[in-house]
Amino acid sequence: LTIPIAIMKAISQASEKKVLVKGGKYLENLSRANTIVFDKTGTLTKSEPRVAKVIALDDIEENECLRIAACLEEHFPHSIANAVVKAAKDKDLHHEEMHSKPEYIVAHGIRSYIVDKPALIGSEHFVLEDEGIEISDQTRAMIDDLKEHYSLLYLAFSGRLIAVLCIEDPIREDAKDVIKELRKLGFNEIAMLTGDAENAARSVAEKLGLDHYQSQVLPCLLYTSPSPRD
């Protein structure tokens, strides 16, 4: 009789600490686990991303690029979208509703139209690869350098890349301590999955001393990948 009572008590205590356990067998299996996989944004980082800077690449000035980006992003409640909208608000950049038919492409970005011309904002994969926006070698070199320090949001209008928004998401202060405590408990394989670009993911993994990481993961892959190494 003491075993089910102990399990029920453990599940109850876990819920008080905002940890949900599906059932007793999962709790028992956890005691034998040696691997743990974290999400990045909001788990290892603060989930309070901010726009560090906007780099204009065309004849549209930085503030106008930020205004366009905020106009597109304000319809979709995501932490990075909120950061863009806040950055525009902090600079007192107001806008009329300038676009039509905003379409959110999961884990990629937003497609819309401004004065009947396509406007895109999102990941490198979405804007440069899927949508075929071409950039010069010089711009590519600059972007590769920025990737070492920021997560990047790409803004395109009328078939050309007009700006890159540099996003910062600080690591949580207690993340390093949590990783150390998990190792003391016997977790010898600690991994991270993220939809962010390779360089941004690598930077977080190196700062926290993680064993493995996988970048540019789409939501469906979180359920199909058998191992963080795959």
C-alpha atoms as a PDB file:
ATOM      1  CA  LEU A   1       0.000   0.000   0.000  1.00  0.00           C
ATOM      2  CA  THR A   2       2.861   2.392   0.660  1.00  0.00           C
ATOM      3  CA  ILE A   3       4.088   2.378  -2.967  1.00  0.00           C
ATOM      4  CA  PRO A   4       1.009   3.950  -4.631  1.00  0.00           C
ATOM      5  CA  ILE A   5       0.680   6.390  -1.729  1.00  0.00           C
ATOM      6  CA  ALA A   6       4.306   7.469  -2.184  1.00  0.00           C
ATOM      7  CA  ILE A   7       3.798   7.918  -5.918  1.00  0.00           C
ATOM      8  CA  MET A   8       0.631   9.957  -5.427  1.00  0.00           C
ATOM      9  CA  LYS A   9       2.419  12.121  -2.879  1.00  0.00           C
ATOM     10  CA  ALA A  10       5.363  12.659  -5.238  1.00  0.00           C
ATOM     11  CA  ILE A  11       3.050  13.638  -8.120  1.00  0.00           C
ATOM     12  CA  SER A  12       1.192  16.007  -5.799  1.00  0.00           C
ATOM     13  CA  GLN A  13       4.409  17.635  -4.598  1.00  0.00           C
ATOM     14  CA  ALA A  14       5.635  17.944  -8.200  1.00  0.00           C
ATOM     15  CA  SER A  15       2.428  19.749  -9.203  1.00  0.00           C
ATOM     16  CA  GLU A  16       2.971  22.226  -6.366  1.00  0.00           C
ATOM     17  CA  LYS A  17       6.299  23.065  -8.052  1.00  0.00           C
ATOM     18  CA  LYS A  18       4.515  23.413 -11.422  1.00  0.00           C
ATOM     19  CA  VAL A  19       5.863  20.075 -12.712  1.00  0.00           C
ATOM     20  CA  LEU A  20       3.241  17.883 -14.392  1.00  0.00           C
ATOM     21  CA  VAL A  21       3.767  14.118 -14.234  1.00  0.00           C
ATOM     22  CA  LYS A  22       1.503  11.959 -16.394  1.00  0.00           C
ATOM     23  CA  GLY A  23       1.538   8.925 -14.085  1.00  0.00           C
ATOM     24  CA  GLY A  24       3.472   6.724 -11.709  1.00  0.00           C
ATOM     25  CA  LYS A  25       5.411   4.754 -14.317  1.00  0.00           C
ATOM     26  CA  TYR A  26       6.777   7.963 -15.832  1.00  0.00           C
ATOM     27  CA  LEU A  27       7.984   9.103 -12.436  1.00  0.00           C
ATOM     28  CA  GLU A  28       9.690   5.740 -11.883  1.00  0.00           C
ATOM     29  CA  ASN A  29      11.315   5.866 -15.338  1.00  0.00           C
ATOM     30  CA  LEU A  30      12.643   9.333 -14.571  1.00  0.00           C
ATOM     31  CA  SER A  31      14.747   7.882 -11.774  1.00  0.00           C
ATOM     32  CA  ARG A  32      16.640   5.833 -14.370  1.00  0.00           C
ATOM     33  CA  ALA A  33      17.064   8.628 -16.916  1.00  0.00           C
ATOM     34  CA  ASN A  34      20.539   9.910 -17.780  1.00  0.00           C
ATOM     35  CA  THR A  35      19.558  12.273 -20.612  1.00  0.00           C
ATOM     36  CA  ILE A  36      17.529  15.467 -20.545  1.00  0.00           C
ATOM     37  CA  VAL A  37      16.509  17.640 -23.518  1.00  0.00           C
ATOM     38  CA  PHE A  38      15.663  21.324 -23.099  1.00  0.00           C
ATOM     39  CA  ASP A  39      13.859  23.775 -25.305  1.00  0.00           C
ATOM     40  CA  LYS A  40      15.820  27.031 -25.547  1.00  0.00           C
ATOM     41  CA  THR A  41      13.533  30.065 -25.650  1.00  0.00           C
ATOM     42  CA  GLY A  42      11.803  30.621 -22.327  1.00  0.00           C
ATOM     43  CA  THR A  43      13.504  27.639 -20.737  1.00  0.00           C
ATOM     44  CA  LEU A  44      17.237  28.215 -20.888  1.00  0.00           C
ATOM     45  CA  THR A  45      16.763  31.838 -21.919  1.00  0.00           C
ATOM     46  CA  LYS A  46      14.511  34.476 -20.397  1.00  0.00           C
ATOM     47  CA  SER A  47      11.984  34.459 -23.234  1.00  0.00           C
ATOM     48  CA  GLU A  48      12.285  38.233 -23.204  1.00  0.00           C
ATOM     49  CA  PRO A  49      13.970  38.841 -26.547  1.00  0.00           C
ATOM     50  CA  ARG A  50      14.693  42.397 -27.581  1.00  0.00           C
ATOM     51  CA  VAL A  51      15.665  44.104 -30.802  1.00  0.00           C
ATOM     52  CA  ALA A  52      19.337  45.035 -30.372  1.00  0.00           C
ATOM     53  CA  LYS A  53      19.574  46.871 -33.679  1.00  0.00           C
ATOM     54  CA  VAL A  54      18.047  47.199 -37.132  1.00  0.00           C
ATOM     55  CA  ILE A  55      20.320  47.170 -40.162  1.00  0.00           C
ATOM     56  CA  ALA A  56      18.797  48.728 -43.260  1.00  0.00           C
ATOM     57  CA  LEU A  57      20.029  47.241 -46.534  1.00  0.00           C
ATOM     58  CA  ASP A  58      18.132  49.285 -49.097  1.00  0.00           C
ATOM     59  CA  ASP A  59      16.984  52.857 -49.569  1.00  0.00           C
ATOM     60  CA  ILE A  60      14.432  52.559 -46.740  1.00  0.00           C
ATOM     61  CA  GLU A  61      15.750  53.966 -43.442  1.00  0.00           C
ATOM     62  CA  GLU A  62      16.064  51.880 -40.282  1.00  0.00           C
ATOM     63  CA  ASN A  63      13.101  53.402 -38.427  1.00  0.00           C
ATOM     64  CA  GLU A  64      10.830  52.861 -41.406  1.00  0.00           C
ATOM     65  CA  CYS A  65      11.988  49.237 -41.658  1.00  0.00           C
ATOM     66  CA  LEU A  66      11.210  48.768 -37.967  1.00  0.00           C
ATOM     67  CA  ARG A  67       7.798  50.377 -38.458  1.00  0.00           C
ATOM     68  CA  ILE A  68       6.986  47.979 -41.309  1.00  0.00           C
ATOM     69  CA  ALA A  69       8.226  45.008 -39.293  1.00  0.00           C
ATOM     70  CA  ALA A  70       6.078  45.978 -36.303  1.00  0.00           C
ATOM     71  CA  CYS A  71       3.047  46.448 -38.528  1.00  0.00           C
ATOM     72  CA  LEU A  72       3.436  42.881 -39.797  1.00  0.00           C
ATOM     73  CA  GLU A  73       4.313  41.297 -36.458  1.00  0.00           C
ATOM     74  CA  GLU A  74       1.644  42.919 -34.272  1.00  0.00           C
ATOM     75  CA  HIS A  75      -1.017  40.412 -35.374  1.00  0.00           C
ATOM     76  CA  PHE A  76       0.816  37.365 -34.054  1.00  0.00           C
ATOM     77  CA  PRO A  77       1.487  36.908 -30.283  1.00  0.00           C
ATOM     78  CA  HIS A  78       5.001  35.454 -30.251  1.00  0.00           C
ATOM     79  CA  SER A  79       7.885  36.544 -28.027  1.00  0.00           C
ATOM     80  CA  ILE A  80       9.991  37.799 -30.950  1.00  0.00           C
ATOM     81  CA  ALA A  81       6.969  39.485 -32.552  1.00  0.00           C
ATOM     82  CA  ASN A  82       6.305  41.223 -29.231  1.00  0.00           C
ATOM     83  CA  ALA A  83       9.938  42.367 -29.103  1.00  0.00           C
ATOM     84  CA  VAL A  84       9.631  43.963 -32.552  1.00  0.00           C
ATOM     85  CA  VAL A  85       6.382  45.709 -31.667  1.00  0.00           C
ATOM     86  CA  LYS A  86       7.881  46.973 -28.386  1.00  0.00           C
ATOM     87  CA  ALA A  87      10.999  48.285 -30.148  1.00  0.00           C
ATOM     88  CA  ALA A  88       8.811  50.321 -32.500  1.00  0.00           C
ATOM     89  CA  LYS A  89       6.695  51.579 -29.614  1.00  0.00           C
ATOM     90  CA  ASP A  90       9.780  52.589 -27.631  1.00  0.00           C
ATOM     91  CA  LYS A  91      10.857  54.726 -30.591  1.00  0.00           C
ATOM     92  CA  ASP A  92       7.354  56.187 -30.842  1.00  0.00           C
ATOM     93  CA  LEU A  93       6.918  54.772 -34.342  1.00  0.00           C
ATOM     94  CA  HIS A  94       3.194  54.728 -35.034  1.00  0.00           C
ATOM     95  CA  HIS A  95       1.569  53.367 -38.154  1.00  0.00           C
ATOM     96  CA  GLU A  96      -1.708  53.117 -39.958  1.00  0.00           C
ATOM     97  CA  GLU A  97      -2.764  49.607 -40.985  1.00  0.00           C
ATOM     98  CA  MET A  98      -0.740  49.508 -44.215  1.00  0.00           C
ATOM     99  CA  HIS A  99      -0.904  45.878 -45.289  1.00  0.00           C
ATOM    100  CA  SER A 100      -3.494  43.287 -46.296  1.00  0.00           C
ATOM    101  CA  LYS A 101      -4.046  39.531 -45.994  1.00  0.00           C
ATOM    102  CA  PRO A 102      -1.348  38.704 -43.398  1.00  0.00           C
ATOM    103  CA  GLU A 103      -0.536  34.999 -43.510  1.00  0.00           C
ATOM    104  CA  TYR A 104       1.389  33.290 -40.706  1.00  0.00           C
ATOM    105  CA  ILE A 105       3.562  30.367 -41.843  1.00  0.00           C
ATOM    106  CA  VAL A 106       4.314  28.262 -38.757  1.00  0.00           C
ATOM    107  CA  ALA A 107       7.985  28.319 -37.690  1.00  0.00           C
ATOM    108  CA  HIS A 108       8.877  30.391 -40.750  1.00  0.00           C
ATOM    109  CA  GLY A 109       7.391  33.878 -40.734  1.00  0.00           C
ATOM    110  CA  ILE A 110       4.714  36.175 -42.135  1.00  0.00           C
ATOM    111  CA  ARG A 111       3.699  36.952 -45.714  1.00  0.00           C
ATOM    112  CA  SER A 112       1.538  39.948 -46.520  1.00  0.00           C
ATOM    113  CA  TYR A 113       1.105  42.728 -49.110  1.00  0.00           C
ATOM    114  CA  ILE A 114       1.738  46.465 -48.920  1.00  0.00           C
ATOM    115  CA  VAL A 115       0.325  48.491 -51.821  1.00  0.00           C
ATOM    116  CA  ASP A 116      -0.058  45.180 -53.681  1.00  0.00           C
ATOM    117  CA  LYS A 117       3.632  44.319 -53.279  1.00  0.00           C
ATOM    118  CA  PRO A 118       4.730  41.276 -51.226  1.00  0.00           C
ATOM    119  CA  ALA A 119       6.121  41.922 -47.743  1.00  0.00           C
ATOM    120  CA  LEU A 120       7.887  39.139 -45.861  1.00  0.00           C
ATOM    121  CA  ILE A 121       9.355  38.835 -42.387  1.00  0.00           C
ATOM    122  CA  GLY A 122      10.803  35.725 -40.798  1.00  0.00           C
ATOM    123  CA  SER A 123      13.663  33.268 -40.796  1.00  0.00           C
ATOM    124  CA  GLU A 124      16.518  33.022 -43.282  1.00  0.00           C
ATOM    125  CA  HIS A 125      15.114  29.735 -44.550  1.00  0.00           C
ATOM    126  CA  PHE A 126      11.712  31.306 -45.214  1.00  0.00           C
ATOM    127  CA  VAL A 127      12.777  34.630 -46.744  1.00  0.00           C
ATOM    128  CA  LEU A 128      15.967  33.742 -48.619  1.00  0.00           C
ATOM    129  CA  GLU A 129      15.392  30.102 -49.512  1.00  0.00           C
ATOM    130  CA  ASP A 130      11.647  29.432 -49.704  1.00  0.00           C
ATOM    131  CA  GLU A 131      10.764  32.855 -51.114  1.00  0.00           C
ATOM    132  CA  GLY A 132      13.912  33.124 -53.240  1.00  0.00           C
ATOM    133  CA  ILE A 133      15.029  36.595 -52.143  1.00  0.00           C
ATOM    134  CA  GLU A 134      18.541  37.102 -53.522  1.00  0.00           C
ATOM    135  CA  ILE A 135      21.334  38.968 -51.722  1.00  0.00           C
ATOM    136  CA  SER A 136      24.846  40.053 -52.664  1.00  0.00           C
ATOM    137  CA  ASP A 137      28.009  38.352 -51.455  1.00  0.00           C
ATOM    138  CA  GLN A 138      28.777  41.443 -49.397  1.00  0.00           C
ATOM    139  CA  THR A 139      25.412  41.256 -47.643  1.00  0.00           C
ATOM    140  CA  ARG A 140      25.880  37.536 -47.090  1.00  0.00           C
ATOM    141  CA  ALA A 141      29.263  38.128 -45.419  1.00  0.00           C
ATOM    142  CA  MET A 142      27.743  40.774 -43.146  1.00  0.00           C
ATOM    143  CA  ILE A 143      24.864  38.464 -42.194  1.00  0.00           C
ATOM    144  CA  ASP A 144      27.251  35.588 -41.440  1.00  0.00           C
ATOM    145  CA  ASP A 145      29.118  37.877 -39.048  1.00  0.00           C
ATOM    146  CA  LEU A 146      25.916  38.995 -37.315  1.00  0.00           C
ATOM    147  CA  LYS A 147      24.852  35.382 -36.809  1.00  0.00           C
ATOM    148  CA  GLU A 148      27.744  34.925 -34.394  1.00  0.00           C
ATOM    149  CA  HIS A 149      26.092  37.336 -31.975  1.00  0.00           C
ATOM    150  CA  TYR A 150      22.344  37.494 -32.657  1.00  0.00           C
ATOM    151  CA  SER A 151      19.306  35.656 -33.864  1.00  0.00           C
ATOM    152  CA  LEU A 152      18.266  37.339 -37.096  1.00  0.00           C
ATOM    153  CA  LEU A 153      14.882  38.327 -38.442  1.00  0.00           C
ATOM    154  CA  TYR A 154      14.773  39.038 -42.186  1.00  0.00           C
ATOM    155  CA  LEU A 155      12.518  41.714 -43.679  1.00  0.00           C
ATOM    156  CA  ALA A 156      11.854  41.767 -47.428  1.00  0.00           C
ATOM    157  CA  PHE A 157       9.645  43.989 -49.548  1.00  0.00           C
ATOM    158  CA  SER A 158       8.874  43.886 -53.254  1.00  0.00           C
ATOM    159  CA  GLY A 159      11.328  41.087 -53.963  1.00  0.00           C
ATOM    160  CA  ARG A 160      14.359  42.481 -52.130  1.00  0.00           C
ATOM    161  CA  LEU A 161      15.797  42.220 -48.632  1.00  0.00           C
ATOM    162  CA  ILE A 162      15.422  45.650 -47.035  1.00  0.00           C
ATOM    163  CA  ALA A 163      16.551  44.990 -43.449  1.00  0.00           C
ATOM    164  CA  VAL A 164      17.892  42.544 -40.901  1.00  0.00           C
ATOM    165  CA  LEU A 165      16.647  42.813 -37.314  1.00  0.00           C
ATOM    166  CA  CYS A 166      19.138  41.603 -34.694  1.00  0.00           C
ATOM    167  CA  ILE A 167      17.419  39.865 -31.773  1.00  0.00           C
ATOM    168  CA  GLU A 168      18.938  39.177 -28.360  1.00  0.00           C
ATOM    169  CA  ASP A 169      17.494  36.693 -25.845  1.00  0.00           C
ATOM    170  CA  PRO A 170      19.562  36.683 -22.629  1.00  0.00           C
ATOM    171  CA  ILE A 171      20.329  33.392 -20.878  1.00  0.00           C
ATOM    172  CA  ARG A 172      18.536  32.931 -17.556  1.00  0.00           C
ATOM    173  CA  GLU A 173      20.747  33.695 -14.565  1.00  0.00           C
ATOM    174  CA  ASP A 174      20.075  30.316 -12.968  1.00  0.00           C
ATOM    175  CA  ALA A 175      20.527  28.207 -16.126  1.00  0.00           C
ATOM    176  CA  LYS A 176      24.199  27.328 -15.456  1.00  0.00           C
ATOM    177  CA  ASP A 177      23.453  26.311 -11.865  1.00  0.00           C
ATOM    178  CA  VAL A 178      20.541  24.122 -12.984  1.00  0.00           C
ATOM    179  CA  ILE A 179      22.774  22.322 -15.498  1.00  0.00           C
ATOM    180  CA  LYS A 180      25.403  21.696 -12.787  1.00  0.00           C
ATOM    181  CA  GLU A 181      22.788  20.334 -10.366  1.00  0.00           C
ATOM    182  CA  LEU A 182      21.361  18.030 -13.037  1.00  0.00           C
ATOM    183  CA  ARG A 183      24.820  16.573 -13.640  1.00  0.00           C
ATOM    184  CA  LYS A 184      25.160  15.914  -9.907  1.00  0.00           C
ATOM    185  CA  LEU A 185      21.862  14.018 -10.074  1.00  0.00           C
ATOM    186  CA  GLY A 186      23.253  11.730 -12.779  1.00  0.00           C
ATOM    187  CA  PHE A 187      22.235  13.374 -16.042  1.00  0.00           C
ATOM    188  CA  ASN A 188      25.365  12.989 -18.183  1.00  0.00           C
ATOM    189  CA  GLU A 189      23.772  13.890 -21.549  1.00  0.00           C
ATOM    190  CA  ILE A 190      22.166  17.342 -21.595  1.00  0.00           C
ATOM    191  CA  ALA A 191      20.865  18.599 -24.939  1.00  0.00           C
ATOM    192  CA  MET A 192      18.931  21.538 -26.374  1.00  0.00           C
ATOM    193  CA  LEU A 193      16.491  21.835 -29.264  1.00  0.00           C
ATOM    194  CA  THR A 194      15.702  25.193 -30.848  1.00  0.00           C
ATOM    195  CA  GLY A 195      14.241  26.733 -33.971  1.00  0.00           C
ATOM    196  CA  ASP A 196      16.998  29.357 -33.932  1.00  0.00           C
ATOM    197  CA  ALA A 197      19.858  29.495 -36.408  1.00  0.00           C
ATOM    198  CA  GLU A 198      22.983  27.393 -35.960  1.00  0.00           C
ATOM    199  CA  ASN A 199      25.263  30.122 -34.634  1.00  0.00           C
ATOM    200  CA  ALA A 200      22.788  31.419 -32.051  1.00  0.00           C
ATOM    201  CA  ALA A 201      22.121  27.862 -30.838  1.00  0.00           C
ATOM    202  CA  ARG A 202      25.835  27.067 -30.660  1.00  0.00           C
ATOM    203  CA  SER A 203      26.494  30.201 -28.619  1.00  0.00           C
ATOM    204  CA  VAL A 204      23.951  29.225 -25.947  1.00  0.00           C
ATOM    205  CA  ALA A 205      25.125  25.595 -25.897  1.00  0.00           C
ATOM    206  CA  GLU A 206      28.747  26.633 -25.415  1.00  0.00           C
ATOM    207  CA  LYS A 207      27.944  29.137 -22.655  1.00  0.00           C
ATOM    208  CA  LEU A 208      25.991  26.503 -20.718  1.00  0.00           C
ATOM    209  CA  GLY A 209      28.332  23.589 -21.438  1.00  0.00           C
ATOM    210  CA  LEU A 210      25.668  21.415 -23.082  1.00  0.00           C
ATOM    211  CA  ASP A 211      26.592  18.061 -24.609  1.00  0.00           C
ATOM    212  CA  HIS A 212      24.439  18.342 -27.736  1.00  0.00           C
ATOM    213  CA  TYR A 213      22.163  20.798 -29.502  1.00  0.00           C
ATOM    214  CA  GLN A 214      20.014  20.854 -32.625  1.00  0.00           C
ATOM    215  CA  SER A 215      19.230  24.130 -34.356  1.00  0.00           C
ATOM    216  CA  GLN A 216      16.522  25.103 -36.856  1.00  0.00           C
ATOM    217  CA  VAL A 217      14.160  22.449 -35.551  1.00  0.00           C
ATOM    218  CA  LEU A 218      10.581  22.733 -36.797  1.00  0.00           C
ATOM    219  CA  PRO A 219       7.737  21.995 -34.340  1.00  0.00           C
ATOM    220  CA  CYS A 220       6.812  18.634 -35.920  1.00  0.00           C
ATOM    221  CA  LEU A 221      10.401  17.385 -35.584  1.00  0.00           C
ATOM    222  CA  LEU A 222      10.264  17.753 -31.822  1.00  0.00           C
ATOM    223  CA  TYR A 223       8.036  14.687 -31.821  1.00  0.00           C
ATOM    224  CA  THR A 224       9.689  12.614 -34.522  1.00  0.00           C
ATOM    225  CA  SER A 225      13.393  12.838 -33.713  1.00  0.00           C
ATOM    226  CA  PRO A 226      14.380   9.738 -31.667  1.00  0.00           C
ATOM    227  CA  SER A 227      17.519  11.367 -30.335  1.00  0.00           C
ATOM    228  CA  PRO A 228      18.912  14.897 -29.910  1.00  0.00           C
ATOM    229  CA  ARG A 229      21.865  13.716 -32.008  1.00  0.00           C
ATOM    230  CA  ASP A 230      19.652  13.045 -35.062  1.00  0.00           C
END
